[in-house]
Protein backbone atom coordinates (compact mmCIF):
# COMPACT_ATOMS: atom_id res chain seq x y z
CA MET A 1 0.05 0.11 0.01
CA LEU A 2 2.99 2.31 0.77
CA LEU A 3 4.23 1.80 -2.81
CA ILE A 4 0.69 2.76 -4.32
CA TYR A 5 0.66 5.76 -2.09
CA LEU A 6 4.03 7.11 -3.34
CA THR A 7 3.28 6.35 -6.92
CA TRP A 8 0.00 8.39 -6.34
CA LYS A 9 2.03 11.24 -4.81
CA GLU A 10 4.50 11.21 -7.76
CA SER A 11 1.78 11.74 -10.23
CA TYR A 12 -0.64 14.59 -10.32
CA PRO A 13 -2.86 13.77 -7.54
CA LYS A 14 -6.01 15.26 -8.54
CA SER A 15 -9.11 13.56 -6.75
CA TYR A 16 -10.52 12.04 -10.01
CA LEU A 17 -7.24 10.42 -10.84
CA THR A 18 -7.18 9.06 -7.13
CA ALA A 19 -10.69 7.60 -7.65
CA LEU A 20 -9.50 6.07 -11.06
CA TYR A 21 -6.47 4.37 -9.29
CA ALA A 22 -8.71 3.08 -6.52
CA SER A 23 -11.19 1.73 -9.15
CA CYS A 24 -8.20 0.19 -11.07
CA LEU A 25 -6.78 -1.37 -7.68
CA ALA A 26 -10.20 -2.92 -6.68
CA GLY A 27 -10.90 -4.45 -10.07
CA ASN A 28 -7.26 -5.64 -10.92
CA LEU A 29 -6.91 -7.38 -7.47
CA VAL A 30 -9.80 -9.68 -8.13
CA GLU A 31 -8.65 -10.13 -11.68
CA GLN A 32 -5.01 -11.03 -10.84
CA LEU A 33 -6.17 -13.31 -7.98
CA TRP A 34 -8.37 -15.30 -10.28
CA ASN A 35 -5.69 -15.38 -13.04
CA PHE A 36 -3.78 -17.24 -10.43
CA ALA A 37 -6.54 -19.24 -8.79
CA TRP A 38 -8.15 -21.07 -11.90
CA PRO A 39 -5.03 -22.91 -13.22
CA ALA A 40 -4.03 -23.82 -9.73
CA ALA A 41 -7.43 -25.18 -8.91
CA ILE A 42 -7.83 -27.19 -12.13
CA ALA A 43 -4.21 -28.57 -11.86
CA LEU A 44 -5.24 -30.11 -8.48
CA LEU A 45 -7.96 -32.13 -10.48
CA HIS A 46 -5.90 -33.36 -13.56
CA SER A 47 -2.53 -34.94 -13.91
CA SER A 48 -1.68 -33.26 -17.02
CA LEU A 49 -1.61 -29.59 -18.56
CA LEU A 50 -4.47 -30.32 -21.04
CA PRO A 51 -7.35 -28.57 -19.32
CA VAL A 52 -5.40 -25.35 -18.49
CA ALA A 53 -4.01 -25.39 -22.13
CA VAL A 54 -7.44 -25.96 -23.77
CA MET A 55 -8.95 -23.10 -21.63
CA GLY A 56 -6.04 -20.80 -22.51
CA PHE A 57 -6.28 -21.66 -26.15
CA PHE A 58 -10.01 -20.97 -26.35
CA THR A 59 -9.53 -17.70 -24.48
CA LYS A 60 -7.02 -16.35 -27.04
CA ILE A 61 -9.30 -17.46 -29.97
CA ALA A 62 -11.89 -15.35 -28.38
CA ILE A 63 -9.74 -12.42 -28.12
CA ILE A 64 -8.53 -12.73 -31.65
CA VAL A 65 -12.04 -12.89 -32.98
CA GLY A 66 -14.06 -10.80 -30.49
CA GLY A 67 -11.42 -8.11 -29.65
CA PRO A 68 -11.96 -5.63 -32.58
CA LEU A 69 -15.74 -6.17 -32.39
CA VAL A 70 -15.95 -5.41 -28.64
CA GLY A 71 -13.58 -2.50 -29.05
CA ASN A 72 -15.84 -1.10 -31.87
CA LEU A 73 -19.05 -1.53 -29.70
CA LEU A 74 -17.37 0.36 -26.83
CA ASP A 75 -16.79 3.31 -29.25
CA HIS A 76 -20.58 3.35 -29.87
CA PHE A 77 -21.87 3.57 -26.18
CA PRO A 78 -21.30 6.09 -23.36
CA ARG A 79 -18.08 5.29 -21.57
CA VAL A 80 -19.10 4.97 -17.83
CA PRO A 81 -22.38 2.77 -18.44
CA ALA A 82 -20.38 0.68 -20.94
CA TYR A 83 -17.55 0.33 -18.48
CA ASN A 84 -19.81 -0.64 -15.52
CA TYR A 85 -21.61 -3.23 -17.86
CA LEU A 86 -18.53 -4.93 -18.88
CA THR A 87 -17.47 -4.93 -15.09
CA ILE A 88 -20.74 -6.82 -14.15
CA VAL A 89 -20.26 -9.21 -17.11
CA GLN A 90 -16.68 -9.94 -16.08
CA ALA A 91 -17.63 -10.62 -12.41
CA ALA A 92 -20.55 -12.75 -13.44
CA ALA A 93 -18.20 -14.98 -15.73
CA GLN A 94 -15.83 -15.23 -12.83
CA LEU A 95 -18.57 -16.45 -10.48
CA LEU A 96 -19.83 -18.92 -12.99
CA SER A 97 -16.24 -20.33 -13.49
CA VAL A 98 -15.91 -20.54 -9.68
CA GLY A 99 -19.15 -22.53 -9.52
CA MET A 100 -18.09 -24.94 -12.17
CA ILE A 101 -14.50 -25.74 -10.54
CA ILE A 102 -16.19 -26.15 -7.19
CA HIS A 103 -18.62 -28.48 -8.77
CA ALA A 104 -15.80 -30.57 -10.21
CA HIS A 105 -13.95 -30.70 -7.06
CA THR A 106 -17.00 -31.80 -5.18
CA VAL A 107 -18.40 -34.28 -7.73
CA CYS A 108 -15.30 -35.76 -9.31
CA PRO A 109 -12.27 -35.02 -7.32
CA SER A 110 -10.05 -37.00 -9.77
CA LEU A 111 -10.92 -35.95 -13.36
CA PRO A 112 -11.47 -38.74 -15.95
CA SER A 113 -9.45 -38.59 -19.25
CA PHE A 114 -12.37 -37.27 -21.28
CA VAL A 115 -12.51 -34.14 -19.23
CA LEU A 116 -12.95 -31.92 -22.33
CA LEU A 117 -16.29 -33.52 -22.92
CA GLN A 118 -17.72 -32.76 -19.47
CA PRO A 119 -20.64 -30.23 -19.55
CA TRP A 120 -19.19 -28.25 -16.64
CA PHE A 121 -15.81 -27.96 -18.39
CA VAL A 122 -17.62 -26.66 -21.54
CA VAL A 123 -19.37 -24.07 -19.52
CA LEU A 124 -15.97 -23.14 -17.84
CA VAL A 125 -14.28 -22.59 -21.17
CA PHE A 126 -17.06 -20.33 -22.37
CA ALA A 127 -17.10 -18.38 -19.09
CA GLY A 128 -13.33 -18.00 -19.20
CA ALA A 129 -13.38 -16.69 -22.66
CA VAL A 130 -16.22 -14.09 -21.72
CA GLU A 131 -13.99 -13.03 -18.57
CA ARG A 132 -10.81 -12.46 -20.48
CA LEU A 133 -12.57 -10.74 -23.39
CA SER A 134 -14.18 -8.40 -20.80
CA GLY A 135 -11.04 -7.84 -18.97
CA LEU A 136 -9.28 -6.97 -22.26
CA ALA A 137 -11.83 -4.47 -23.16
CA LEU A 138 -11.91 -2.96 -19.67
CA GLY A 139 -8.07 -2.62 -19.88
CA VAL A 140 -8.04 -0.99 -23.34
CA ALA A 141 -10.72 1.43 -22.24
CA MET A 142 -8.79 2.42 -19.07
CA GLU A 143 -5.21 2.67 -20.76
CA ARG A 144 -6.03 3.94 -24.17
CA ASP A 145 -8.93 6.28 -23.55
CA TRP A 146 -9.89 7.20 -19.99
CA VAL A 147 -6.42 7.94 -18.68
CA MET A 148 -5.51 10.21 -21.66
CA LEU A 149 -8.84 12.31 -21.05
CA LEU A 150 -8.14 12.65 -17.22
CA ALA A 151 -4.52 13.21 -17.34
CA GLY A 152 -4.68 15.34 -20.27
CA THR A 153 -3.26 14.69 -23.80
CA ASN A 154 -1.45 18.02 -23.71
CA ARG A 155 0.48 17.18 -20.60
CA PRO A 156 2.90 14.49 -21.57
CA ILE A 157 4.69 14.19 -18.19
CA ALA A 158 1.40 13.85 -16.22
CA LEU A 159 0.18 11.25 -18.81
CA ALA A 160 3.49 9.21 -18.55
CA GLN A 161 3.21 9.38 -14.77
CA ALA A 162 -0.35 8.14 -14.80
CA ASN A 163 0.57 5.30 -17.20
CA ALA A 164 3.50 4.35 -14.83
CA VAL A 165 1.00 4.31 -11.68
CA LEU A 166 -1.43 2.19 -13.65
CA SER A 167 1.31 -0.28 -14.56
CA ARG A 168 2.68 -0.37 -10.93
CA ILE A 169 -0.92 -0.96 -9.55
CA ASP A 170 -1.45 -3.87 -11.93
CA LEU A 171 1.91 -5.45 -10.94
CA VAL A 172 1.20 -4.87 -7.21
CA CYS A 173 -2.21 -6.54 -7.64
CA GLU A 174 -0.46 -9.46 -9.38
CA ILE A 175 1.82 -9.82 -6.35
CA ALA A 176 -0.99 -9.65 -3.79
CA GLY A 177 -3.39 -11.81 -5.82
CA ALA A 178 -1.01 -14.81 -6.46
CA SER A 179 0.46 -14.57 -2.79
CA MET A 180 -3.01 -14.36 -1.26
CA PHE A 181 -4.47 -17.48 -3.03
CA GLY A 182 -1.03 -19.28 -2.71
CA ILE A 183 -1.16 -18.75 1.06
CA LEU A 184 -4.86 -19.71 1.23
CA LEU A 185 -4.40 -22.91 -0.76
CA SER A 186 -1.44 -23.83 1.60
CA LYS A 187 -3.72 -23.63 4.65
CA ASN A 188 -7.20 -24.56 3.30
CA GLU A 189 -8.96 -26.99 1.01
CA PRO A 190 -9.20 -25.77 -2.59
CA VAL A 191 -13.22 -25.38 -2.28
CA ALA A 192 -12.77 -23.23 0.66
CA CYS A 193 -10.31 -21.05 -1.16
CA LEU A 194 -12.57 -20.76 -4.25
CA LYS A 195 -15.47 -19.80 -2.02
CA LEU A 196 -13.34 -16.94 -0.46
CA ALA A 197 -12.36 -15.90 -3.89
CA ALA A 198 -16.01 -15.68 -4.91
CA GLY A 199 -16.71 -13.71 -1.76
CA LEU A 200 -14.09 -11.21 -2.85
CA MET A 201 -15.48 -10.96 -6.29
CA ILE A 202 -19.02 -10.16 -4.84
CA VAL A 203 -17.61 -7.39 -2.60
CA ALA A 204 -15.40 -5.84 -5.06
CA LEU A 205 -18.10 -5.42 -7.88
CA PRO A 206 -20.07 -2.60 -6.10
CA VAL A 207 -16.83 -0.88 -5.01
CA VAL A 208 -15.56 -0.78 -8.67
CA VAL A 209 -18.89 0.40 -10.00
CA SER A 210 -19.08 3.14 -7.49
CA LEU A 211 -15.54 4.32 -7.81
CA THR A 212 -15.99 4.54 -11.76
CA TRP A 213 -19.06 6.67 -11.17
CA LEU A 214 -17.18 8.82 -8.46
CA THR A 215 -14.27 9.23 -11.01
CA ASN A 216 -16.66 10.76 -13.61
CA LYS A 217 -18.33 12.96 -11.04
CA LEU A 218 -15.09 14.40 -9.68
CA SER A 219 -13.92 15.01 -13.23
CA CYS A 220 -16.88 17.11 -13.85
CA GLY A 221 -18.24 14.74 -16.39
CA VAL A 222 -15.09 14.48 -18.48
CA LEU A 223 -15.87 11.03 -19.40
CA ASP A 224 -19.29 12.04 -20.77
CA ARG A 225 -17.55 13.95 -23.58
CA ALA A 226 -18.86 12.85 -27.00
CA LYS A 227 -16.49 10.55 -28.96
CA SER A 228 -14.97 11.26 -32.36
CA PRO A 229 -17.49 11.17 -35.31
CA GLN A 230 -14.91 8.90 -36.76
CA THR A 231 -16.22 6.17 -34.46
CA CYS A 232 -19.69 6.18 -36.28
CA HIS A 233 -20.95 2.92 -38.07
CA ARG A 234 -19.16 3.35 -41.40
CA ASN A 235 -17.35 1.05 -43.83
CA SER A 236 -13.88 1.68 -45.37
CA SER A 237 -15.49 3.86 -48.02
CA GLY A 238 -16.93 6.16 -45.49
CA GLU A 239 -20.61 5.24 -45.96
CA PRO A 240 -22.88 4.25 -43.20
CA LEU A 241 -23.60 0.51 -42.79
CA PRO A 242 -27.28 -0.71 -42.66
CA TYR A 243 -28.18 -1.37 -39.07
CA ALA A 244 -28.64 -5.09 -39.63
CA GLU A 245 -25.09 -5.47 -41.23
CA ASN A 246 -23.26 -3.26 -38.64
CA ILE A 247 -21.96 -5.98 -36.32
CA VAL A 248 -20.61 -8.33 -38.97
CA GLU A 249 -19.26 -5.81 -41.53
CA MET A 250 -17.82 -3.45 -38.82
CA SER A 251 -16.00 -6.37 -37.26
CA VAL A 252 -14.62 -7.50 -40.54
CA GLU A 253 -13.71 -3.83 -41.55
CA ALA A 254 -11.99 -3.29 -38.34
CA ILE A 255 -9.79 -6.47 -38.59
CA LYS A 256 -8.88 -5.84 -42.26
CA HIS A 257 -8.06 -2.09 -41.57
CA GLY A 258 -6.16 -2.97 -38.50
CA TRP A 259 -3.90 -5.40 -40.30
CA ILE A 260 -3.17 -3.20 -42.95
CA GLU A 261 -2.15 -0.26 -40.72
CA TYR A 262 -0.30 -2.62 -38.35
CA LEU A 263 1.94 -3.95 -41.26
CA GLN A 264 2.67 -0.43 -42.51
CA GLN A 265 3.79 1.09 -39.14
CA PRO A 266 7.36 2.39 -39.19
CA VAL A 267 8.32 0.54 -35.80
CA LEU A 268 7.02 -2.80 -36.97
CA PRO A 269 10.17 -4.71 -35.98
CA ALA A 270 9.91 -3.43 -32.31
CA SER A 271 6.22 -4.50 -32.33
CA LEU A 272 7.08 -8.00 -33.78
CA ALA A 273 9.70 -8.33 -31.14
CA TYR A 274 6.97 -7.62 -28.54
CA VAL A 275 4.54 -10.22 -30.14
CA LEU A 276 7.31 -12.88 -30.09
CA LEU A 277 7.56 -12.60 -26.35
CA TYR A 278 4.10 -13.86 -26.25
CA PHE A 279 5.23 -17.26 -27.56
CA ASN A 280 6.83 -17.49 -24.24
CA VAL A 281 3.92 -19.25 -22.40
CA VAL A 282 5.95 -21.43 -20.09
CA LEU A 283 9.07 -19.69 -18.93
CA ALA A 284 6.85 -16.90 -17.33
CA PRO A 285 4.23 -16.66 -14.56
CA GLY A 286 1.00 -17.81 -16.11
CA GLY A 287 -1.62 -20.57 -16.28
CA LEU A 288 0.81 -23.43 -17.75
CA MET A 289 3.67 -22.57 -15.18
CA THR A 290 1.18 -22.48 -12.25
CA ALA A 291 -0.17 -25.94 -13.42
CA PHE A 292 3.19 -27.40 -13.83
CA LEU A 293 4.50 -26.24 -10.38
CA THR A 294 1.03 -27.27 -8.72
CA GLN A 295 1.30 -30.75 -10.23
CA CYS A 296 4.96 -30.95 -8.92
CA GLY A 297 3.50 -30.21 -5.50
CA VAL A 298 0.82 -32.78 -5.97
CA SER A 299 2.96 -35.55 -7.45
CA PRO A 300 6.55 -35.03 -5.96
CA SER A 301 7.69 -37.95 -8.32
CA LEU A 302 7.60 -35.50 -11.22
CA ILE A 303 10.55 -33.56 -9.87
CA GLY A 304 12.04 -35.67 -7.22
CA GLY A 305 11.25 -36.87 -3.68
CA PHE A 306 10.03 -33.56 -2.31
CA SER A 307 6.85 -31.47 -2.74
CA LEU A 308 6.34 -27.70 -3.37
CA ASN A 309 4.24 -25.92 -0.89
CA PRO A 310 1.50 -23.77 -2.63
CA SER A 311 2.81 -20.60 -1.00
CA ILE A 312 6.10 -21.09 -2.72
CA ILE A 313 4.08 -21.42 -5.98
CA GLY A 314 2.34 -18.14 -5.14
CA GLY A 315 5.38 -16.45 -4.04
CA PHE A 316 6.91 -17.29 -7.36
CA SER A 317 4.24 -15.49 -9.25
CA GLY A 318 4.44 -12.50 -6.68
CA LEU A 319 8.18 -12.16 -7.07
CA CYS A 320 7.93 -12.02 -10.87
CA ALA A 321 5.51 -9.17 -10.49
CA PHE A 322 7.77 -7.58 -7.97
CA MET A 323 10.51 -7.56 -10.55
CA GLY A 324 8.18 -5.92 -13.07
CA VAL A 325 7.59 -3.19 -10.43
CA ALA A 326 11.47 -2.78 -10.13
CA ALA A 327 11.66 -2.67 -13.87
CA THR A 328 9.53 0.39 -14.08
CA PHE A 329 11.83 2.38 -11.89
CA MET A 330 15.13 0.91 -13.33
CA SER A 331 14.15 1.39 -17.06
CA ALA A 332 13.90 5.28 -16.47
CA ASP A 333 17.62 5.31 -15.32
CA LEU A 334 18.66 3.05 -18.20
CA VAL A 335 16.93 5.36 -20.70
CA LYS A 336 19.00 8.24 -19.38
CA ARG A 337 22.27 6.33 -19.79
CA PHE A 338 21.69 4.38 -22.88
CA GLY A 339 18.70 5.98 -24.71
CA ILE A 340 15.37 4.38 -25.59
CA LEU A 341 16.43 1.89 -28.24
CA LYS A 342 19.46 0.68 -26.70
CA THR A 343 17.58 0.00 -23.35
CA GLY A 344 14.92 -2.02 -25.26
CA ALA A 345 17.85 -4.06 -26.65
CA ALA A 346 19.32 -4.55 -23.28
CA GLY A 347 16.08 -5.73 -21.84
CA LEU A 348 15.67 -8.28 -24.42
CA ILE A 349 19.25 -9.46 -24.06
CA LEU A 350 19.01 -9.73 -20.37
CA GLN A 351 15.79 -11.84 -20.72
CA ALA A 352 17.20 -14.14 -23.13
CA SER A 353 20.38 -14.63 -21.04
CA PHE A 354 18.64 -15.56 -17.87
CA LEU A 355 16.12 -17.93 -19.63
CA THR A 356 19.18 -19.55 -21.53
CA ILE A 357 20.65 -20.63 -18.15
CA ALA A 358 17.28 -21.63 -16.74
CA VAL A 359 16.72 -23.97 -19.67
CA ALA A 360 20.12 -25.35 -19.32
CA VAL A 361 19.49 -26.10 -15.62
CA TYR A 362 16.16 -27.70 -16.57
CA TRP A 363 17.76 -30.05 -19.13
CA SER A 364 20.58 -30.97 -16.78
CA GLY A 365 18.06 -33.11 -14.94
CA SER A 366 19.10 -31.66 -11.55
CA LEU A 367 15.46 -30.49 -10.90
CA SER A 368 15.07 -33.72 -8.85
CA GLN A 369 16.64 -31.60 -6.03
CA GLN A 370 14.99 -28.67 -4.34
CA ILE A 371 17.73 -26.33 -4.69
CA PRO A 372 18.28 -26.47 -8.40
CA LEU A 373 14.48 -26.30 -8.84
CA LEU A 374 14.36 -23.01 -6.84
CA PHE A 375 17.38 -21.80 -8.63
CA PHE A 376 15.48 -22.57 -11.92
CA LEU A 377 12.60 -20.58 -10.66
CA SER A 378 14.81 -17.68 -9.55
CA LEU A 379 16.27 -17.24 -12.91
CA ILE A 380 12.87 -16.93 -14.44
CA VAL A 381 12.03 -14.33 -11.90
CA PHE A 382 15.17 -12.32 -12.76
CA SER A 383 14.34 -12.57 -16.45
CA ARG A 384 11.20 -10.44 -15.75
CA LEU A 385 13.54 -7.44 -15.06
CA GLY A 386 14.46 -7.60 -18.78
CA HIS A 387 10.96 -8.54 -19.92
CA MET A 388 9.32 -5.60 -18.15
CA SER A 389 12.07 -3.19 -19.15
CA TYR A 390 11.33 -3.88 -22.79
CA ASP A 391 7.73 -3.83 -22.03
CA VAL A 392 7.82 -0.24 -20.62
CA VAL A 393 10.50 1.10 -23.16
CA GLY A 394 8.68 -0.77 -26.09
CA ALA A 395 5.51 1.08 -25.26
CA GLN A 396 7.19 4.49 -25.62
CA ILE A 397 8.80 3.24 -28.80
CA LEU A 398 5.56 2.36 -30.15
CA GLN A 399 3.94 5.55 -29.04
CA THR A 400 6.87 7.61 -30.75
CA GLY A 401 6.48 5.77 -34.09
CA ILE A 402 2.83 5.47 -34.38
CA PRO A 403 0.46 8.52 -35.13
CA SER A 404 -2.02 9.36 -32.45
CA SER A 405 -4.75 9.07 -34.86
CA LYS A 406 -4.01 5.34 -35.34
CA ALA A 407 -2.68 4.33 -31.91
CA ASN A 408 -5.89 2.60 -30.75
CA LEU A 409 -6.41 0.80 -34.06
CA ILE A 410 -2.77 -0.36 -34.26
CA GLY A 411 -2.69 -1.11 -30.32
CA THR A 412 -5.73 -3.29 -30.63
CA THR A 413 -4.50 -5.19 -33.52
CA GLU A 414 -1.20 -5.81 -31.78
CA ILE A 415 -3.08 -7.38 -28.86
CA SER A 416 -4.87 -9.68 -31.34
CA VAL A 417 -1.63 -10.70 -33.04
CA ALA A 418 0.01 -11.33 -29.78
CA SER A 419 -3.08 -13.40 -28.60
CA LEU A 420 -2.55 -15.35 -31.98
CA ALA A 421 1.22 -16.15 -30.89
CA GLU A 422 -0.13 -17.32 -27.46
CA SER A 423 -2.75 -19.46 -29.00
CA VAL A 424 -0.23 -21.22 -31.20
CA MET A 425 1.96 -22.15 -28.29
CA LEU A 426 -1.04 -23.18 -26.30
CA GLY A 427 -2.05 -25.36 -29.15
CA VAL A 428 1.44 -26.95 -29.03
CA ALA A 429 0.80 -27.40 -25.14
CA ILE A 430 -2.43 -29.29 -25.95
CA ILE A 431 -0.67 -31.80 -28.11
CA ALA A 432 2.27 -32.20 -25.68
CA ASN A 433 0.00 -31.90 -22.72
CA ASP A 434 1.93 -34.40 -20.43
CA VAL A 435 4.17 -32.67 -17.73
CA SER A 436 7.11 -34.71 -19.11
CA HIS A 437 7.09 -32.74 -22.27
CA PHE A 438 7.31 -29.27 -20.28
CA ARG A 439 11.08 -29.40 -21.24
CA PHE A 440 10.25 -29.17 -25.06
CA LEU A 441 7.85 -26.33 -24.31
CA ALA A 442 10.62 -24.53 -22.49
CA VAL A 443 12.90 -24.82 -25.34
CA LEU A 444 10.34 -23.21 -27.72
CA SER A 445 9.62 -20.40 -25.37
CA LEU A 446 13.44 -19.61 -25.02
CA LEU A 447 13.67 -19.72 -28.89
CA SER A 448 10.97 -17.07 -29.12
CA VAL A 449 12.70 -14.67 -26.65
CA VAL A 450 15.98 -15.15 -28.51
CA GLY A 451 14.22 -14.40 -31.66
CA ALA A 452 12.82 -11.37 -30.42
CA ALA A 453 16.21 -10.17 -29.16
CA TRP A 454 17.93 -10.87 -32.51
CA LEU A 455 15.11 -9.13 -34.41
CA PHE A 456 15.09 -6.06 -32.36
CA CYS A 457 19.03 -5.81 -32.36
CA GLN A 458 19.11 -6.25 -36.29
CA TRP A 459 16.52 -3.29 -36.49
CA LEU A 460 18.72 -1.30 -34.14
CA LEU A 461 21.91 -2.05 -36.03
CA ASN A 462 20.51 -1.29 -39.55
CA PRO A 463 18.37 1.78 -39.06
CA THR A 464 16.36 3.36 -41.95
CA ASP A 465 16.01 6.99 -42.69
CA ALA A 466 12.41 7.00 -41.10
CA GLN A 467 13.90 5.40 -38.18
CA ARG A 468 16.55 8.00 -37.63
CA SER A 469 14.01 10.80 -38.05
CA LEU A 470 11.51 9.21 -35.57
CA PHE A 471 14.28 8.84 -32.81
CA SER A 472 16.44 11.95 -33.56
CA PHE A 473 15.86 13.01 -29.90
CA ASP A 474 17.62 9.83 -28.63
CA LEU A 475 21.03 11.17 -28.19
CA GLN A 476 22.59 7.57 -27.74
CA PHE A 477 21.26 6.43 -31.07
């Protein structure tokens, strides 16, 4: 809480920004807790990575297909009611997911091999896709629209500070959510932990809705401002679409236009490096790593003669997020010393170096002992310094290279491309769902990070005239 207070104090502490941060804190805490809870709870039921991989795969497919459509629909409704409606939808999807997992733990504590055909699992996949799609839309609305209106587009320093505060709040919530559920799981039965999580979701919902309304009221209705007429229902020729065809044609037009603009952006290699990092689905905190570590705790024979305490698993995710918080501060100093582009390259090289050692430790077969396993996890934790450094600096690179009039379109398309990358790796995980195949998934994840570092460094070493013009202010370039 002290960290959040200090970051508020560093930014322009307008009352409406404080309300915005509080709303973000309440919503993100529940979301991050659930992001850790569901794969851990499912992994306690099934002896392979298959259920978690399938859920993750269909979630990414939903984002790829539904992301542009939901984004366009958000542009056609008032901001505050649309945001609150999506918040309610997300909470309902989370509660439905909790109910399905509790049902699975109660009725069938040991899942059969045909789990994918179980009605409760089908409902769980659907609810998970709706929850993630709603969360994506809420995040885009907050980070690409609301914060710009409230901090002021003509105040770049205030806007940059507000962006930094939102990033730190997200990471702090990731630390708190993972650690909280990990500690609960180490002391209670899974069903009891899930019921506590459901209670937190119910309590947080009215808090988020109220703080959202308060943010708009304190800002004197800034969020009620009319949106650009460019967001009207029109096709690529500028003609209005018939009402019945709006949703389908609008979605198709958004996807086509987004891909064209994305491929034509002047900083495409930097964006592709960012997308390549999304192929790393196992050497990072996430559903598959949580499932792998949870199963290591349940079946010690997978890694040796000892078991992992759930609090250690939660601590791993929390430490990864803590490194992300540290990177938001460290990257500012690196930019002053090396410039934006070299800082981005340094972050990618640092991440690739740590993960190379981690994979070497894994393949050495020494994870049958506790100390090598903890060393393996520590290397992944430290690799997050490089990952988040590039994440922070990469955002500034993209903001510099992309015209403001196309920022939302290209940004949304980039998220869809990144989701496509994740879905490919999750598809591989579905095929190689046995925990013994985890080492091969780790190698593929490492290759994606090494590829991202190579691509970005090649772009940096062979600059174009457009690149020199865009980053002429970077004295180290």
